[in-house]
């Protein structure tokens, strides 16, 4: 494996990688909010249910990423 590939692989487990993942997951929440708004305007129950499931997935994803961020911070003496 090249040095660049190793660096990219370890990026996901770094603090910066977790912050990028948190931001991109939270950004997905904007599209879900737009989907909910459109479903309510059209009175489309099926789209509203799909948006609710997507919102639950985003919340779960954010919780997992936050837990990983805290776990990564546990190793740091200065973070407490």
PDB file of N, CA and C in Angstrom:
ATOM      1  N   UNK A   1       0.848  -1.169   0.000  1.00  0.00           N
ATOM      2  CA  UNK A   1       0.000   0.000   0.000  1.00  0.00           C
ATOM      3  C   UNK A   1       0.896   1.236   0.000  1.00  0.00           C
ATOM      4  N   UNK A   2       0.588   2.188  -0.826  1.00  0.00           N
ATOM      5  CA  UNK A   2       1.411   3.387  -0.927  1.00  0.00           C
ATOM      6  C   UNK A   2       1.198   4.291   0.281  1.00  0.00           C
ATOM      7  N   UNK A   3       2.073   5.233   0.445  1.00  0.00           N
ATOM      8  CA  UNK A   3       1.983   6.163   1.572  1.00  0.00           C
ATOM      9  C   UNK A   3       0.717   7.003   1.481  1.00  0.00           C
ATOM     10  N   UNK A   4       0.344   7.358   0.257  1.00  0.00           N
ATOM     11  CA  UNK A   4      -0.862   8.171   0.070  1.00  0.00           C
ATOM     12  C   UNK A   4      -2.106   7.376   0.459  1.00  0.00           C
ATOM     13  N   UNK A   5      -2.144   6.106   0.129  1.00  0.00           N
ATOM     14  CA  UNK A   5      -3.291   5.259   0.468  1.00  0.00           C
ATOM     15  C   UNK A   5      -3.387   5.072   1.981  1.00  0.00           C
ATOM     16  N   UNK A   6      -2.245   4.899   2.648  1.00  0.00           N
ATOM     17  CA  UNK A   6      -2.254   4.763   4.109  1.00  0.00           C
ATOM     18  C   UNK A   6      -2.748   6.033   4.770  1.00  0.00           C
ATOM     19  N   UNK A   7      -2.310   7.165   4.233  1.00  0.00           N
ATOM     20  CA  UNK A   7      -2.729   8.454   4.786  1.00  0.00           C
ATOM     21  C   UNK A   7      -4.236   8.647   4.620  1.00  0.00           C
ATOM     22  N   UNK A   8      -4.759   8.266   3.474  1.00  0.00           N
ATOM     23  CA  UNK A   8      -6.190   8.396   3.218  1.00  0.00           C
ATOM     24  C   UNK A   8      -6.986   7.438   4.093  1.00  0.00           C
ATOM     25  N   UNK A   9      -6.456   6.252   4.326  1.00  0.00           N
ATOM     26  CA  UNK A   9      -7.154   5.274   5.155  1.00  0.00           C
ATOM     27  C   UNK A   9      -7.219   5.733   6.607  1.00  0.00           C
ATOM     28  N   UNK A  10      -6.142   6.317   7.099  1.00  0.00           N
ATOM     29  CA  UNK A  10      -6.105   6.783   8.481  1.00  0.00           C
ATOM     30  C   UNK A  10      -6.857   8.089   8.686  1.00  0.00           C
ATOM     31  N   UNK A  11      -7.179   8.792   7.596  1.00  0.00           N
ATOM     32  CA  UNK A  11      -7.897  10.059   7.712  1.00  0.00           C
ATOM     33  C   UNK A  11      -9.267   9.857   8.337  1.00  0.00           C
ATOM     34  N   UNK A  12      -9.922   8.764   8.005  1.00  0.00           N
ATOM     35  CA  UNK A  12     -11.266   8.513   8.516  1.00  0.00           C
ATOM     36  C   UNK A  12     -11.257   8.353  10.033  1.00  0.00           C
ATOM     37  N   UNK A  13     -10.166   7.855  10.579  1.00  0.00           N
ATOM     38  CA  UNK A  13     -10.088   7.638  12.017  1.00  0.00           C
ATOM     39  C   UNK A  13      -9.453   8.816  12.748  1.00  0.00           C
ATOM     40  N   UNK A  14      -9.148   9.883  12.041  1.00  0.00           N
ATOM     41  CA  UNK A  14      -8.553  11.049  12.672  1.00  0.00           C
ATOM     42  C   UNK A  14      -9.657  11.998  13.120  1.00  0.00           C
ATOM     43  N   UNK A  15      -9.279  12.956  13.950  1.00  0.00           N
ATOM     44  CA  UNK A  15     -10.248  13.944  14.411  1.00  0.00           C
ATOM     45  C   UNK A  15     -10.789  14.761  13.253  1.00  0.00           C
ATOM     46  N   UNK A  16      -9.913  15.141  12.358  1.00  0.00           N
ATOM     47  CA  UNK A  16     -10.341  15.928  11.202  1.00  0.00           C
ATOM     48  C   UNK A  16     -11.314  15.131  10.343  1.00  0.00           C
ATOM     49  N   UNK A  17     -11.020  13.864  10.144  1.00  0.00           N
ATOM     50  CA  UNK A  17     -11.916  13.019   9.365  1.00  0.00           C
ATOM     51  C   UNK A  17     -13.281  12.883  10.007  1.00  0.00           C
ATOM     52  N   UNK A  18     -13.306  12.778  11.340  1.00  0.00           N
ATOM     53  CA  UNK A  18     -14.593  12.687  12.036  1.00  0.00           C
ATOM     54  C   UNK A  18     -15.372  13.994  11.923  1.00  0.00           C
ATOM     55  N   UNK A  19     -14.665  15.122  12.004  1.00  0.00           N
ATOM     56  CA  UNK A  19     -15.351  16.414  11.845  1.00  0.00           C
ATOM     57  C   UNK A  19     -15.926  16.560  10.435  1.00  0.00           C
ATOM     58  N   UNK A  20     -15.202  16.118   9.445  1.00  0.00           N
ATOM     59  CA  UNK A  20     -15.697  16.170   8.062  1.00  0.00           C
ATOM     60  C   UNK A  20     -16.921  15.266   7.916  1.00  0.00           C
ATOM     61  N   UNK A  21     -16.868  14.088   8.517  1.00  0.00           N
ATOM     62  CA  UNK A  21     -18.007  13.170   8.458  1.00  0.00           C
ATOM     63  C   UNK A  21     -19.220  13.757   9.176  1.00  0.00           C
ATOM     64  N   UNK A  22     -18.997  14.387  10.336  1.00  0.00           N
ATOM     65  CA  UNK A  22     -20.098  15.033  11.055  1.00  0.00           C
ATOM     66  C   UNK A  22     -20.736  16.123  10.204  1.00  0.00           C
ATOM     67  N   UNK A  23     -19.902  16.946   9.583  1.00  0.00           N
ATOM     68  CA  UNK A  23     -20.423  18.044   8.770  1.00  0.00           C
ATOM     69  C   UNK A  23     -21.192  17.536   7.558  1.00  0.00           C
ATOM     70  N   UNK A  24     -20.665  16.522   6.899  1.00  0.00           N
ATOM     71  CA  UNK A  24     -21.356  16.020   5.708  1.00  0.00           C
ATOM     72  C   UNK A  24     -22.660  15.312   6.073  1.00  0.00           C
ATOM     73  N   UNK A  25     -22.681  14.641   7.219  1.00  0.00           N
ATOM     74  CA  UNK A  25     -23.914  13.996   7.660  1.00  0.00           C
ATOM     75  C   UNK A  25     -24.950  15.044   8.049  1.00  0.00           C
ATOM     76  N   UNK A  26     -24.501  16.078   8.751  1.00  0.00           N
ATOM     77  CA  UNK A  26     -25.421  17.152   9.118  1.00  0.00           C
ATOM     78  C   UNK A  26     -25.931  17.880   7.881  1.00  0.00           C
ATOM     79  N   UNK A  27     -25.083  18.027   6.873  1.00  0.00           N
ATOM     80  CA  UNK A  27     -25.503  18.659   5.625  1.00  0.00           C
ATOM     81  C   UNK A  27     -26.599  17.843   4.948  1.00  0.00           C
ATOM     82  N   UNK A  28     -26.559  16.531   5.113  1.00  0.00           N
ATOM     83  CA  UNK A  28     -27.624  15.678   4.580  1.00  0.00           C
ATOM     84  C   UNK A  28     -28.964  15.971   5.234  1.00  0.00           C
ATOM     85  N   UNK A  29     -28.918  16.491   6.442  1.00  0.00           N
ATOM     86  CA  UNK A  29     -30.150  16.874   7.131  1.00  0.00           C
ATOM     87  C   UNK A  29     -30.897  17.984   6.416  1.00  0.00           C
ATOM     88  N   UNK A  30     -30.173  18.831   5.707  1.00  0.00           N
ATOM     89  CA  UNK A  30     -30.828  19.902   4.957  1.00  0.00           C
ATOM     90  C   UNK A  30     -31.694  19.336   3.830  1.00  0.00           C
ATOM     91  N   UNK A  31     -31.204  18.321   3.156  1.00  0.00           N
ATOM     92  CA  UNK A  31     -32.000  17.725   2.080  1.00  0.00           C
ATOM     93  C   UNK A  31     -33.211  16.989   2.643  1.00  0.00           C
ATOM     94  N   UNK A  32     -33.057  16.393   3.826  1.00  0.00           N
ATOM     95  CA  UNK A  32     -34.196  15.721   4.453  1.00  0.00           C
ATOM     96  C   UNK A  32     -35.245  16.751   4.875  1.00  0.00           C
ATOM     97  N   UNK A  33     -34.798  17.885   5.386  1.00  0.00           N
ATOM     98  CA  UNK A  33     -35.741  18.948   5.764  1.00  0.00           C
ATOM     99  C   UNK A  33     -36.502  19.447   4.543  1.00  0.00           C
ATOM    100  N   UNK A  34     -35.797  19.576   3.425  1.00  0.00           N
ATOM    101  CA  UNK A  34     -36.446  19.997   2.181  1.00  0.00           C
ATOM    102  C   UNK A  34     -37.446  18.939   1.720  1.00  0.00           C
ATOM    103  N   UNK A  35     -37.066  17.663   1.876  1.00  0.00           N
ATOM    104  CA  UNK A  35     -37.953  16.564   1.488  1.00  0.00           C
ATOM    105  C   UNK A  35     -39.213  16.567   2.355  1.00  0.00           C
ATOM    106  N   UNK A  36     -39.069  16.828   3.645  1.00  0.00           N
ATOM    107  CA  UNK A  36     -40.225  16.882   4.551  1.00  0.00           C
ATOM    108  C   UNK A  36     -41.146  18.031   4.152  1.00  0.00           C
ATOM    109  N   UNK A  37     -40.555  19.179   3.848  1.00  0.00           N
ATOM    110  CA  UNK A  37     -41.353  20.344   3.456  1.00  0.00           C
ATOM    111  C   UNK A  37     -42.163  20.059   2.188  1.00  0.00           C
ATOM    112  N   UNK A  38     -41.511  19.439   1.199  1.00  0.00           N
ATOM    113  CA  UNK A  38     -42.204  19.115  -0.047  1.00  0.00           C
ATOM    114  C   UNK A  38     -43.315  18.084   0.185  1.00  0.00           C
ATOM    115  N   UNK A  39     -43.055  17.101   1.029  1.00  0.00           N
ATOM    116  CA  UNK A  39     -44.045  16.060   1.303  1.00  0.00           C
ATOM    117  C   UNK A  39     -45.262  16.643   2.009  1.00  0.00           C
ATOM    118  N   UNK A  40     -45.024  17.590   2.898  1.00  0.00           N
ATOM    119  CA  UNK A  40     -46.154  18.218   3.596  1.00  0.00           C
ATOM    120  C   UNK A  40     -46.986  19.069   2.651  1.00  0.00           C
ATOM    121  N   UNK A  41     -46.319  19.778   1.750  1.00  0.00           N
ATOM    122  CA  UNK A  41     -47.049  20.604   0.791  1.00  0.00           C
ATOM    123  C   UNK A  41     -47.913  19.757  -0.130  1.00  0.00           C
ATOM    124  N   UNK A  42     -47.397  18.586  -0.531  1.00  0.00           N
ATOM    125  CA  UNK A  42     -48.120  17.706  -1.438  1.00  0.00           C
ATOM    126  C   UNK A  42     -49.053  16.742  -0.714  1.00  0.00           C
ATOM    127  N   UNK A  43     -49.038  16.757   0.607  1.00  0.00           N
ATOM    128  CA  UNK A  43     -49.813  15.810   1.424  1.00  0.00           C
ATOM    129  C   UNK A  43     -49.510  14.371   1.023  1.00  0.00           C
ATOM    130  N   UNK A  44     -48.230  14.091   0.827  1.00  0.00           N
ATOM    131  CA  UNK A  44     -47.777  12.773   0.398  1.00  0.00           C
ATOM    132  C   UNK A  44     -47.240  12.015   1.614  1.00  0.00           C
ATOM    133  N   UNK A  45     -48.042  11.092   2.122  1.00  0.00           N
ATOM    134  CA  UNK A  45     -47.680  10.363   3.334  1.00  0.00           C
ATOM    135  C   UNK A  45     -46.468   9.460   3.121  1.00  0.00           C
ATOM    136  N   UNK A  46     -46.372   8.862   1.948  1.00  0.00           N
ATOM    137  CA  UNK A  46     -45.269   7.945   1.681  1.00  0.00           C
ATOM    138  C   UNK A  46     -43.926   8.682   1.657  1.00  0.00           C
ATOM    139  N   UNK A  47     -43.883   9.846   1.029  1.00  0.00           N
ATOM    140  CA  UNK A  47     -42.648  10.646   1.033  1.00  0.00           C
ATOM    141  C   UNK A  47     -42.328  11.145   2.436  1.00  0.00           C
ATOM    142  N   UNK A  48     -43.355  11.465   3.204  1.00  0.00           N
ATOM    143  CA  UNK A  48     -43.138  11.923   4.570  1.00  0.00           C
ATOM    144  C   UNK A  48     -42.560  10.803   5.426  1.00  0.00           C
ATOM    145  N   UNK A  49     -43.043   9.598   5.234  1.00  0.00           N
ATOM    146  CA  UNK A  49     -42.506   8.450   5.966  1.00  0.00           C
ATOM    147  C   UNK A  49     -41.058   8.188   5.555  1.00  0.00           C
ATOM    148  N   UNK A  50     -40.777   8.315   4.266  1.00  0.00           N
ATOM    149  CA  UNK A  50     -39.402   8.135   3.787  1.00  0.00           C
ATOM    150  C   UNK A  50     -38.478   9.185   4.390  1.00  0.00           C
ATOM    151  N   UNK A  51     -38.936  10.411   4.473  1.00  0.00           N
ATOM    152  CA  UNK A  51     -38.133  11.477   5.062  1.00  0.00           C
ATOM    153  C   UNK A  51     -37.913  11.237   6.557  1.00  0.00           C
ATOM    154  N   UNK A  52     -38.908  10.712   7.239  1.00  0.00           N
ATOM    155  CA  UNK A  52     -38.766  10.429   8.668  1.00  0.00           C
ATOM    156  C   UNK A  52     -37.724   9.336   8.911  1.00  0.00           C
ATOM    157  N   UNK A  53     -37.744   8.318   8.071  1.00  0.00           N
ATOM    158  CA  UNK A  53     -36.754   7.245   8.194  1.00  0.00           C
ATOM    159  C   UNK A  53     -35.361   7.787   7.880  1.00  0.00           C
ATOM    160  N   UNK A  54     -35.256   8.643   6.873  1.00  0.00           N
ATOM    161  CA  UNK A  54     -33.965   9.250   6.535  1.00  0.00           C
ATOM    162  C   UNK A  54     -33.466  10.133   7.673  1.00  0.00           C
ATOM    163  N   UNK A  55     -34.365  10.876   8.289  1.00  0.00           N
ATOM    164  CA  UNK A  55     -33.984  11.727   9.415  1.00  0.00           C
ATOM    165  C   UNK A  55     -33.497  10.886  10.592  1.00  0.00           C
ATOM    166  N   UNK A  56     -34.156   9.766  10.838  1.00  0.00           N
ATOM    167  CA  UNK A  56     -33.713   8.872  11.913  1.00  0.00           C
ATOM    168  C   UNK A  56     -32.325   8.314  11.615  1.00  0.00           C
ATOM    169  N   UNK A  57     -32.059   8.006  10.354  1.00  0.00           N
ATOM    170  CA  UNK A  57     -30.741   7.499   9.971  1.00  0.00           C
ATOM    171  C   UNK A  57     -29.671   8.571  10.168  1.00  0.00           C
ATOM    172  N   UNK A  58     -29.990   9.796   9.865  1.00  0.00           N
ATOM    173  CA  UNK A  58     -29.035  10.890  10.038  1.00  0.00           C
ATOM    174  C   UNK A  58     -28.745  11.116  11.519  1.00  0.00           C
ATOM    175  N   UNK A  59     -29.785  11.108  12.338  1.00  0.00           N
ATOM    176  CA  UNK A  59     -29.584  11.289  13.785  1.00  0.00           C
ATOM    177  C   UNK A  59     -28.738  10.164  14.350  1.00  0.00           C
ATOM    178  N   UNK A  60     -29.004   8.942  13.929  1.00  0.00           N
ATOM    179  CA  UNK A  60     -28.210   7.804  14.390  1.00  0.00           C
ATOM    180  C   UNK A  60     -26.758   7.929  13.930  1.00  0.00           C
ATOM    181  N   UNK A  61     -26.564   8.326  12.692  1.00  0.00           N
ATOM    182  CA  UNK A  61     -25.211   8.508  12.172  1.00  0.00           C
ATOM    183  C   UNK A  61     -24.445   9.579  12.930  1.00  0.00           C
ATOM    184  N   UNK A  62     -25.124  10.689  13.240  1.00  0.00           N
ATOM    185  CA  UNK A  62     -24.477  11.745  14.008  1.00  0.00           C
ATOM    186  C   UNK A  62     -24.119  11.266  15.406  1.00  0.00           C
ATOM    187  N   UNK A  63     -24.992  10.485  16.020  1.00  0.00           N
ATOM    188  CA  UNK A  63     -24.709   9.961  17.357  1.00  0.00           C
ATOM    189  C   UNK A  63     -23.504   9.023  17.339  1.00  0.00           C
ATOM    190  N   UNK A  64     -23.401   8.190  16.330  1.00  0.00           N
ATOM    191  CA  UNK A  64     -22.262   7.277  16.220  1.00  0.00           C
ATOM    192  C   UNK A  64     -20.970   8.055  16.009  1.00  0.00           C
ATOM    193  N   UNK A  65     -21.006   9.060  15.133  1.00  0.00           N
ATOM    194  CA  UNK A  65     -19.812   9.860  14.896  1.00  0.00           C
ATOM    195  C   UNK A  65     -19.403  10.638  16.143  1.00  0.00           C
ATOM    196  N   UNK A  66     -20.374  11.149  16.886  1.00  0.00           N
ATOM    197  CA  UNK A  66     -20.074  11.866  18.123  1.00  0.00           C
ATOM    198  C   UNK A  66     -19.426  10.931  19.140  1.00  0.00           C
ATOM    199  N   UNK A  67     -19.934   9.706  19.220  1.00  0.00           N
ATOM    200  CA  UNK A  67     -19.353   8.726  20.131  1.00  0.00           C
ATOM    201  C   UNK A  67     -17.910   8.415  19.743  1.00  0.00           C
ATOM    202  N   UNK A  68     -17.649   8.273  18.459  1.00  0.00           N
ATOM    203  CA  UNK A  68     -16.290   8.019  17.998  1.00  0.00           C
ATOM    204  C   UNK A  68     -15.373   9.200  18.295  1.00  0.00           C
ATOM    205  N   UNK A  69     -15.908  10.403  18.164  1.00  0.00           N
ATOM    206  CA  UNK A  69     -15.124  11.588  18.471  1.00  0.00           C
ATOM    207  C   UNK A  69     -14.774  11.640  19.953  1.00  0.00           C
ATOM    208  N   UNK A  70     -15.730  11.299  20.794  1.00  0.00           N
ATOM    209  CA  UNK A  70     -15.455  11.255  22.231  1.00  0.00           C
ATOM    210  C   UNK A  70     -14.452  10.158  22.555  1.00  0.00           C
ATOM    211  N   UNK A  71     -14.576   9.022  21.911  1.00  0.00           N
ATOM    212  CA  UNK A  71     -13.666   7.908  22.145  1.00  0.00           C
ATOM    213  C   UNK A  71     -12.242   8.278  21.705  1.00  0.00           C
ATOM    214  N   UNK A  72     -12.142   9.014  20.620  1.00  0.00           N
ATOM    215  CA  UNK A  72     -10.847   9.469  20.158  1.00  0.00           C
ATOM    216  C   UNK A  72     -10.255  10.478  21.132  1.00  0.00           C
ATOM    217  N   UNK A  73     -11.115  11.289  21.729  1.00  0.00           N
ATOM    218  CA  UNK A  73     -10.676  12.288  22.698  1.00  0.00           C
ATOM    219  C   UNK A  73     -10.301  11.692  24.037  1.00  0.00           C
ATOM    220  N   UNK A  74     -10.775  10.492  24.355  1.00  0.00           N
ATOM    221  CA  UNK A  74     -10.437   9.853  25.631  1.00  0.00           C
ATOM    222  C   UNK A  74      -8.952   9.555  25.732  1.00  0.00           C
ATOM    223  N   UNK A  75      -8.306   9.360  24.602  1.00  0.00           N
ATOM    224  CA  UNK A  75      -6.873   9.072  24.604  1.00  0.00           C
ATOM    225  C   UNK A  75      -6.047  10.329  24.879  1.00  0.00           C
ATOM    226  N   UNK A  76      -6.656  11.490  24.661  1.00  0.00           N
ATOM    227  CA  UNK A  76      -5.934  12.746  24.830  1.00  0.00           C
ATOM    228  C   UNK A  76      -6.035  13.210  26.281  1.00  0.00           C
ATOM    229  N   UNK A  77      -4.925  13.421  26.932  1.00  0.00           N
ATOM    230  CA  UNK A  77      -4.897  13.807  28.341  1.00  0.00           C
ATOM    231  C   UNK A  77      -5.466  15.210  28.515  1.00  0.00           C
ATOM    232  N   UNK A  78      -5.236  16.087  27.559  1.00  0.00           N
ATOM    233  CA  UNK A  78      -5.672  17.468  27.685  1.00  0.00           C
ATOM    234  C   UNK A  78      -7.181  17.639  27.528  1.00  0.00           C
ATOM    235  N   UNK A  79      -7.840  16.750  26.812  1.00  0.00           N
ATOM    236  CA  UNK A  79      -9.280  16.860  26.606  1.00  0.00           C
ATOM    237  C   UNK A  79     -10.085  16.371  27.801  1.00  0.00           C
ATOM    238  N   UNK A  80      -9.514  15.576  28.620  1.00  0.00           N
ATOM    239  CA  UNK A  80     -10.190  15.072  29.825  1.00  0.00           C
ATOM    240  C   UNK A  80     -10.985  13.918  29.544  1.00  0.00           C
TER     241      UNK A  80
END
